[in-house]
Amino acid sequence: MTRDAIATDKLAAPVGPFSLGVRGAGLLFLSGQVAQVPASGRLIDGDVARQTHQILDNIATALETVGKSLSDVIRVGVYLTDIANFAVMSQAYSEHFAEPYPARTAIGVAALPLGAAVEMDVVVG
């Protein structure tokens, strides 16, 4: 199977040995995203709602580079450092997606990169 990495200069570069996203087998797998300011790579100030909006804006930017949009997302993985923030995240998330919504999993984790409160990864068809 051939796989191709995607990249864009409109977002902060990954900090580690991984690609922003990889296409293969007719799908695009986007690596986990935290709420980074695209120009600086720093985590934004703000609560889970603001972080969720920033993450989904960044994901939309990444998808635009390959001619896709949030409407092409088929699965979202959500990682929260406090699962009590699930409802807040979900409300902000709902402002970026329309029915039929992507499949979604939310998992509570101990910590995330840059001290983020939420991280998301997506699979795109």
N, C-alpha and C. Protein backbone atom coordinates (compact mmCIF):
# COMPACT_ATOMS: atom_id res chain seq x y z
N MET A 1 0.84 -1.17 0.00
CA MET A 1 0.00 0.00 0.00
C MET A 1 0.89 1.24 0.00
N THR A 2 0.56 2.17 -0.85
CA THR A 2 1.25 3.44 -0.90
C THR A 2 0.66 4.38 0.13
N ARG A 3 1.50 5.13 0.79
CA ARG A 3 1.01 6.15 1.71
C ARG A 3 1.78 7.44 1.46
N ASP A 4 1.03 8.54 1.52
CA ASP A 4 1.58 9.85 1.25
C ASP A 4 1.31 10.75 2.44
N ALA A 5 2.35 11.45 2.89
CA ALA A 5 2.20 12.40 3.99
C ALA A 5 1.65 13.73 3.45
N ILE A 6 0.87 14.40 4.30
CA ILE A 6 0.42 15.74 3.96
C ILE A 6 1.10 16.74 4.90
N ALA A 7 1.24 17.96 4.43
CA ALA A 7 1.85 19.02 5.23
C ALA A 7 1.30 20.35 4.76
N THR A 8 1.40 21.36 5.61
CA THR A 8 1.02 22.72 5.24
C THR A 8 1.82 23.70 6.06
N ASP A 9 2.15 24.83 5.45
CA ASP A 9 2.84 25.87 6.20
C ASP A 9 1.84 26.79 6.90
N LYS A 10 0.55 26.48 6.82
CA LYS A 10 -0.49 27.27 7.48
C LYS A 10 -0.71 26.85 8.93
N LEU A 11 -0.03 25.78 9.36
CA LEU A 11 -0.13 25.29 10.74
C LEU A 11 1.27 25.10 11.30
N ALA A 12 1.36 25.03 12.61
CA ALA A 12 2.64 24.74 13.25
C ALA A 12 3.12 23.36 12.80
N ALA A 13 4.41 23.24 12.59
CA ALA A 13 4.99 21.96 12.19
C ALA A 13 4.90 20.96 13.35
N PRO A 14 4.71 19.67 13.03
CA PRO A 14 4.72 18.66 14.09
C PRO A 14 6.04 18.68 14.85
N VAL A 15 5.97 18.46 16.16
CA VAL A 15 7.18 18.44 16.98
C VAL A 15 7.47 17.00 17.37
N GLY A 16 8.01 16.29 16.43
CA GLY A 16 8.33 14.88 16.67
C GLY A 16 8.38 14.14 15.35
N PRO A 17 8.68 12.86 15.43
CA PRO A 17 8.81 12.05 14.21
C PRO A 17 7.46 11.53 13.73
N PHE A 18 6.58 12.46 13.33
CA PHE A 18 5.29 12.07 12.77
C PHE A 18 4.84 13.11 11.76
N SER A 19 3.92 12.71 10.90
CA SER A 19 3.37 13.59 9.88
C SER A 19 2.08 14.22 10.36
N LEU A 20 1.76 15.38 9.83
CA LEU A 20 0.47 16.01 10.11
C LEU A 20 -0.65 15.04 9.76
N GLY A 21 -0.51 14.40 8.63
CA GLY A 21 -1.49 13.41 8.21
C GLY A 21 -0.89 12.50 7.16
N VAL A 22 -1.53 11.34 6.98
CA VAL A 22 -1.08 10.37 5.99
C VAL A 22 -2.29 9.83 5.25
N ARG A 23 -2.16 9.79 3.91
CA ARG A 23 -3.20 9.20 3.07
C ARG A 23 -2.78 7.80 2.66
N GLY A 24 -3.75 6.89 2.70
CA GLY A 24 -3.51 5.53 2.25
C GLY A 24 -4.81 4.76 2.26
N ALA A 25 -4.94 3.82 1.37
CA ALA A 25 -6.13 2.96 1.29
C ALA A 25 -7.42 3.78 1.15
N GLY A 26 -7.34 4.93 0.47
CA GLY A 26 -8.52 5.75 0.24
C GLY A 26 -8.96 6.59 1.42
N LEU A 27 -8.17 6.61 2.50
CA LEU A 27 -8.51 7.38 3.70
C LEU A 27 -7.38 8.33 4.05
N LEU A 28 -7.71 9.36 4.80
CA LEU A 28 -6.72 10.29 5.34
C LEU A 28 -6.79 10.19 6.85
N PHE A 29 -5.66 9.96 7.48
CA PHE A 29 -5.55 9.89 8.94
C PHE A 29 -4.78 11.12 9.39
N LEU A 30 -5.46 12.00 10.13
CA LEU A 30 -4.82 13.21 10.62
C LEU A 30 -4.35 12.96 12.05
N SER A 31 -3.08 13.29 12.32
CA SER A 31 -2.52 13.11 13.65
C SER A 31 -3.24 13.99 14.66
N GLY A 32 -3.09 13.63 15.94
CA GLY A 32 -3.72 14.38 17.01
C GLY A 32 -3.34 15.85 16.98
N GLN A 33 -4.33 16.70 17.20
CA GLN A 33 -4.14 18.14 17.19
C GLN A 33 -4.55 18.72 18.52
N VAL A 34 -3.71 19.59 19.06
CA VAL A 34 -4.08 20.39 20.22
C VAL A 34 -4.30 21.82 19.73
N ALA A 35 -4.75 22.69 20.61
CA ALA A 35 -5.16 24.04 20.22
C ALA A 35 -3.97 24.99 20.07
N GLN A 36 -3.16 24.74 19.06
CA GLN A 36 -2.00 25.58 18.82
C GLN A 36 -2.36 26.78 17.94
N VAL A 37 -1.75 27.90 18.23
CA VAL A 37 -1.83 29.06 17.35
C VAL A 37 -1.00 28.70 16.12
N PRO A 38 -1.60 28.76 14.93
CA PRO A 38 -0.86 28.32 13.74
C PRO A 38 0.49 29.00 13.53
N ALA A 39 0.58 30.30 13.76
CA ALA A 39 1.82 31.03 13.48
C ALA A 39 2.94 30.71 14.46
N SER A 40 2.60 30.54 15.73
CA SER A 40 3.64 30.37 16.76
C SER A 40 3.81 28.94 17.24
N GLY A 41 2.78 28.13 17.10
CA GLY A 41 2.84 26.77 17.63
C GLY A 41 2.55 26.68 19.11
N ARG A 42 2.29 27.82 19.74
CA ARG A 42 1.98 27.83 21.18
C ARG A 42 0.52 27.48 21.41
N LEU A 43 0.25 26.86 22.56
CA LEU A 43 -1.11 26.55 22.95
C LEU A 43 -1.86 27.85 23.23
N ILE A 44 -3.10 27.95 22.74
CA ILE A 44 -3.89 29.15 23.00
C ILE A 44 -4.25 29.22 24.48
N ASP A 45 -4.54 30.41 24.93
CA ASP A 45 -5.12 30.59 26.25
C ASP A 45 -6.60 30.30 26.13
N GLY A 46 -7.17 29.67 27.13
CA GLY A 46 -8.61 29.46 27.09
C GLY A 46 -9.04 28.12 27.62
N ASP A 47 -10.34 28.02 27.79
CA ASP A 47 -10.95 26.82 28.34
C ASP A 47 -11.14 25.76 27.26
N VAL A 48 -11.80 24.69 27.63
CA VAL A 48 -12.01 23.56 26.72
C VAL A 48 -12.80 23.99 25.49
N ALA A 49 -13.78 24.86 25.65
CA ALA A 49 -14.56 25.33 24.49
C ALA A 49 -13.67 26.05 23.50
N ARG A 50 -12.87 27.01 23.97
CA ARG A 50 -11.96 27.74 23.07
C ARG A 50 -10.95 26.80 22.43
N GLN A 51 -10.42 25.86 23.23
CA GLN A 51 -9.46 24.91 22.66
C GLN A 51 -10.11 24.04 21.60
N THR A 52 -11.34 23.60 21.84
CA THR A 52 -12.05 22.77 20.86
C THR A 52 -12.25 23.53 19.56
N HIS A 53 -12.69 24.78 19.64
CA HIS A 53 -12.88 25.59 18.42
C HIS A 53 -11.56 25.75 17.67
N GLN A 54 -10.46 26.03 18.38
CA GLN A 54 -9.17 26.21 17.72
C GLN A 54 -8.71 24.93 17.06
N ILE A 55 -8.87 23.81 17.75
CA ILE A 55 -8.48 22.52 17.17
C ILE A 55 -9.24 22.27 15.88
N LEU A 56 -10.55 22.45 15.91
CA LEU A 56 -11.35 22.16 14.72
C LEU A 56 -11.08 23.16 13.60
N ASP A 57 -10.75 24.40 13.92
CA ASP A 57 -10.32 25.35 12.89
C ASP A 57 -9.00 24.88 12.27
N ASN A 58 -8.08 24.41 13.11
CA ASN A 58 -6.79 23.90 12.60
C ASN A 58 -6.99 22.66 11.74
N ILE A 59 -7.86 21.77 12.17
CA ILE A 59 -8.14 20.57 11.38
C ILE A 59 -8.75 20.97 10.03
N ALA A 60 -9.67 21.91 10.03
CA ALA A 60 -10.27 22.38 8.77
C ALA A 60 -9.19 22.94 7.85
N THR A 61 -8.23 23.69 8.40
CA THR A 61 -7.13 24.23 7.61
C THR A 61 -6.30 23.10 7.00
N ALA A 62 -5.98 22.10 7.80
CA ALA A 62 -5.21 20.96 7.30
C ALA A 62 -5.96 20.25 6.17
N LEU A 63 -7.25 20.07 6.35
CA LEU A 63 -8.04 19.36 5.34
C LEU A 63 -8.14 20.15 4.03
N GLU A 64 -8.19 21.47 4.13
CA GLU A 64 -8.25 22.30 2.93
C GLU A 64 -7.05 22.06 2.02
N THR A 65 -5.89 21.74 2.59
CA THR A 65 -4.69 21.53 1.79
C THR A 65 -4.81 20.33 0.86
N VAL A 66 -5.75 19.43 1.16
CA VAL A 66 -5.94 18.25 0.31
C VAL A 66 -7.34 18.23 -0.29
N GLY A 67 -7.98 19.40 -0.33
CA GLY A 67 -9.29 19.50 -0.97
C GLY A 67 -10.42 18.85 -0.20
N LYS A 68 -10.27 18.75 1.10
CA LYS A 68 -11.30 18.16 1.95
C LYS A 68 -11.80 19.19 2.95
N SER A 69 -12.87 18.85 3.66
CA SER A 69 -13.42 19.73 4.68
C SER A 69 -13.92 18.88 5.85
N LEU A 70 -14.41 19.55 6.88
CA LEU A 70 -14.95 18.82 8.03
C LEU A 70 -16.12 17.93 7.64
N SER A 71 -16.81 18.25 6.57
CA SER A 71 -17.93 17.41 6.13
C SER A 71 -17.46 16.05 5.60
N ASP A 72 -16.17 15.92 5.34
CA ASP A 72 -15.60 14.64 4.87
C ASP A 72 -15.10 13.76 6.01
N VAL A 73 -15.12 14.29 7.24
CA VAL A 73 -14.63 13.53 8.40
C VAL A 73 -15.60 12.41 8.73
N ILE A 74 -15.06 11.19 8.89
CA ILE A 74 -15.92 10.04 9.21
C ILE A 74 -15.74 9.54 10.65
N ARG A 75 -14.63 9.91 11.28
CA ARG A 75 -14.40 9.51 12.67
C ARG A 75 -13.55 10.55 13.37
N VAL A 76 -13.87 10.83 14.64
CA VAL A 76 -13.10 11.76 15.46
C VAL A 76 -12.74 11.05 16.77
N GLY A 77 -11.48 11.13 17.15
CA GLY A 77 -11.04 10.70 18.47
C GLY A 77 -10.82 11.93 19.31
N VAL A 78 -11.40 11.96 20.50
CA VAL A 78 -11.28 13.11 21.41
C VAL A 78 -10.61 12.63 22.69
N TYR A 79 -9.64 13.38 23.16
CA TYR A 79 -8.90 13.05 24.37
C TYR A 79 -9.01 14.24 25.32
N LEU A 80 -9.53 14.01 26.50
CA LEU A 80 -9.77 15.06 27.49
C LEU A 80 -8.99 14.78 28.77
N THR A 81 -8.33 15.79 29.31
CA THR A 81 -7.63 15.59 30.58
C THR A 81 -8.60 15.58 31.75
N ASP A 82 -9.82 16.04 31.54
CA ASP A 82 -10.87 15.98 32.56
C ASP A 82 -12.17 15.63 31.86
N ILE A 83 -12.62 14.40 32.00
CA ILE A 83 -13.82 13.93 31.31
C ILE A 83 -15.06 14.72 31.73
N ALA A 84 -14.97 15.44 32.86
CA ALA A 84 -16.07 16.31 33.28
C ALA A 84 -16.29 17.44 32.28
N ASN A 85 -15.31 17.70 31.41
CA ASN A 85 -15.44 18.73 30.37
C ASN A 85 -16.08 18.20 29.09
N PHE A 86 -16.58 16.97 29.12
CA PHE A 86 -17.16 16.36 27.92
C PHE A 86 -18.29 17.21 27.34
N ALA A 87 -19.23 17.67 28.15
CA ALA A 87 -20.38 18.43 27.65
C ALA A 87 -19.94 19.76 27.02
N VAL A 88 -18.98 20.43 27.63
CA VAL A 88 -18.48 21.69 27.09
C VAL A 88 -17.82 21.45 25.74
N MET A 89 -16.97 20.42 25.67
CA MET A 89 -16.32 20.07 24.40
C MET A 89 -17.37 19.74 23.36
N SER A 90 -18.35 18.92 23.74
CA SER A 90 -19.35 18.46 22.80
C SER A 90 -20.17 19.62 22.23
N GLN A 91 -20.49 20.61 23.06
CA GLN A 91 -21.23 21.77 22.57
C GLN A 91 -20.42 22.54 21.52
N ALA A 92 -19.15 22.80 21.82
CA ALA A 92 -18.29 23.51 20.87
C ALA A 92 -18.12 22.68 19.60
N TYR A 93 -17.92 21.39 19.75
CA TYR A 93 -17.76 20.46 18.63
C TYR A 93 -18.97 20.51 17.71
N SER A 94 -20.17 20.56 18.30
CA SER A 94 -21.41 20.53 17.51
C SER A 94 -21.55 21.74 16.60
N GLU A 95 -20.82 22.81 16.88
CA GLU A 95 -20.87 24.00 16.04
C GLU A 95 -20.04 23.86 14.77
N HIS A 96 -19.28 22.77 14.65
CA HIS A 96 -18.42 22.56 13.48
C HIS A 96 -18.87 21.42 12.58
N PHE A 97 -19.78 20.60 13.05
CA PHE A 97 -20.23 19.45 12.27
C PHE A 97 -21.75 19.48 12.09
N ALA A 98 -22.21 18.88 11.00
CA ALA A 98 -23.65 18.76 10.74
C ALA A 98 -23.98 17.28 10.57
N GLU A 99 -25.25 16.95 10.68
CA GLU A 99 -25.68 15.57 10.48
C GLU A 99 -25.46 15.15 9.04
N PRO A 100 -25.12 13.93 8.77
CA PRO A 100 -24.82 12.90 9.76
C PRO A 100 -23.44 13.15 10.37
N TYR A 101 -23.42 13.17 11.70
CA TYR A 101 -22.18 13.45 12.42
C TYR A 101 -21.18 12.31 12.24
N PRO A 102 -19.88 12.64 12.33
CA PRO A 102 -18.88 11.57 12.30
C PRO A 102 -19.03 10.66 13.53
N ALA A 103 -18.57 9.45 13.40
CA ALA A 103 -18.45 8.59 14.58
C ALA A 103 -17.43 9.25 15.50
N ARG A 104 -17.60 9.08 16.82
CA ARG A 104 -16.71 9.77 17.75
C ARG A 104 -16.48 8.93 18.99
N THR A 105 -15.26 8.98 19.48
CA THR A 105 -14.88 8.37 20.75
C THR A 105 -14.27 9.45 21.61
N ALA A 106 -14.62 9.49 22.89
CA ALA A 106 -14.00 10.42 23.84
C ALA A 106 -13.35 9.62 24.95
N ILE A 107 -12.11 9.95 25.24
CA ILE A 107 -11.33 9.20 26.22
C ILE A 107 -10.71 10.17 27.22
N GLY A 108 -10.79 9.85 28.49
CA GLY A 108 -10.12 10.63 29.53
C GLY A 108 -8.66 10.19 29.62
N VAL A 109 -7.76 11.16 29.65
CA VAL A 109 -6.32 10.88 29.71
C VAL A 109 -5.68 11.68 30.83
N ALA A 110 -4.49 11.27 31.25
CA ALA A 110 -3.80 11.94 32.35
C ALA A 110 -3.20 13.28 31.94
N ALA A 111 -2.68 13.37 30.73
CA ALA A 111 -2.02 14.60 30.28
C ALA A 111 -1.95 14.62 28.77
N LEU A 112 -1.79 15.82 28.21
CA LEU A 112 -1.68 16.00 26.76
C LEU A 112 -0.51 16.93 26.44
N PRO A 113 -0.02 16.91 25.19
CA PRO A 113 1.09 17.77 24.81
C PRO A 113 0.80 19.25 25.08
N LEU A 114 1.82 19.97 25.44
CA LEU A 114 1.78 21.41 25.70
C LEU A 114 0.85 21.80 26.85
N GLY A 115 0.39 20.83 27.63
CA GLY A 115 -0.52 21.12 28.73
C GLY A 115 -1.95 21.34 28.26
N ALA A 116 -2.28 20.88 27.06
CA ALA A 116 -3.63 21.05 26.51
C ALA A 116 -4.66 20.31 27.35
N ALA A 117 -5.90 20.79 27.30
CA ALA A 117 -7.02 20.15 27.98
C ALA A 117 -7.74 19.18 27.07
N VAL A 118 -7.56 19.34 25.74
CA VAL A 118 -8.25 18.49 24.77
C VAL A 118 -7.36 18.31 23.54
N GLU A 119 -7.45 17.15 22.94
CA GLU A 119 -6.76 16.83 21.70
C GLU A 119 -7.73 16.04 20.83
N MET A 120 -7.62 16.19 19.51
CA MET A 120 -8.48 15.45 18.58
C MET A 120 -7.67 14.93 17.41
N ASP A 121 -8.04 13.74 16.94
CA ASP A 121 -7.53 13.23 15.68
C ASP A 121 -8.73 12.83 14.82
N VAL A 122 -8.54 12.78 13.52
CA VAL A 122 -9.66 12.46 12.63
C VAL A 122 -9.24 11.48 11.55
N VAL A 123 -10.26 10.79 11.04
CA VAL A 123 -10.14 9.95 9.85
C VAL A 123 -11.10 10.55 8.83
N VAL A 124 -10.61 10.71 7.61
CA VAL A 124 -11.37 11.37 6.55
C VAL A 124 -11.53 10.42 5.38
N GLY A 125 -12.75 10.38 4.85
CA GLY A 125 -13.03 9.53 3.69
C GLY A 125 -12.83 10.28 2.40
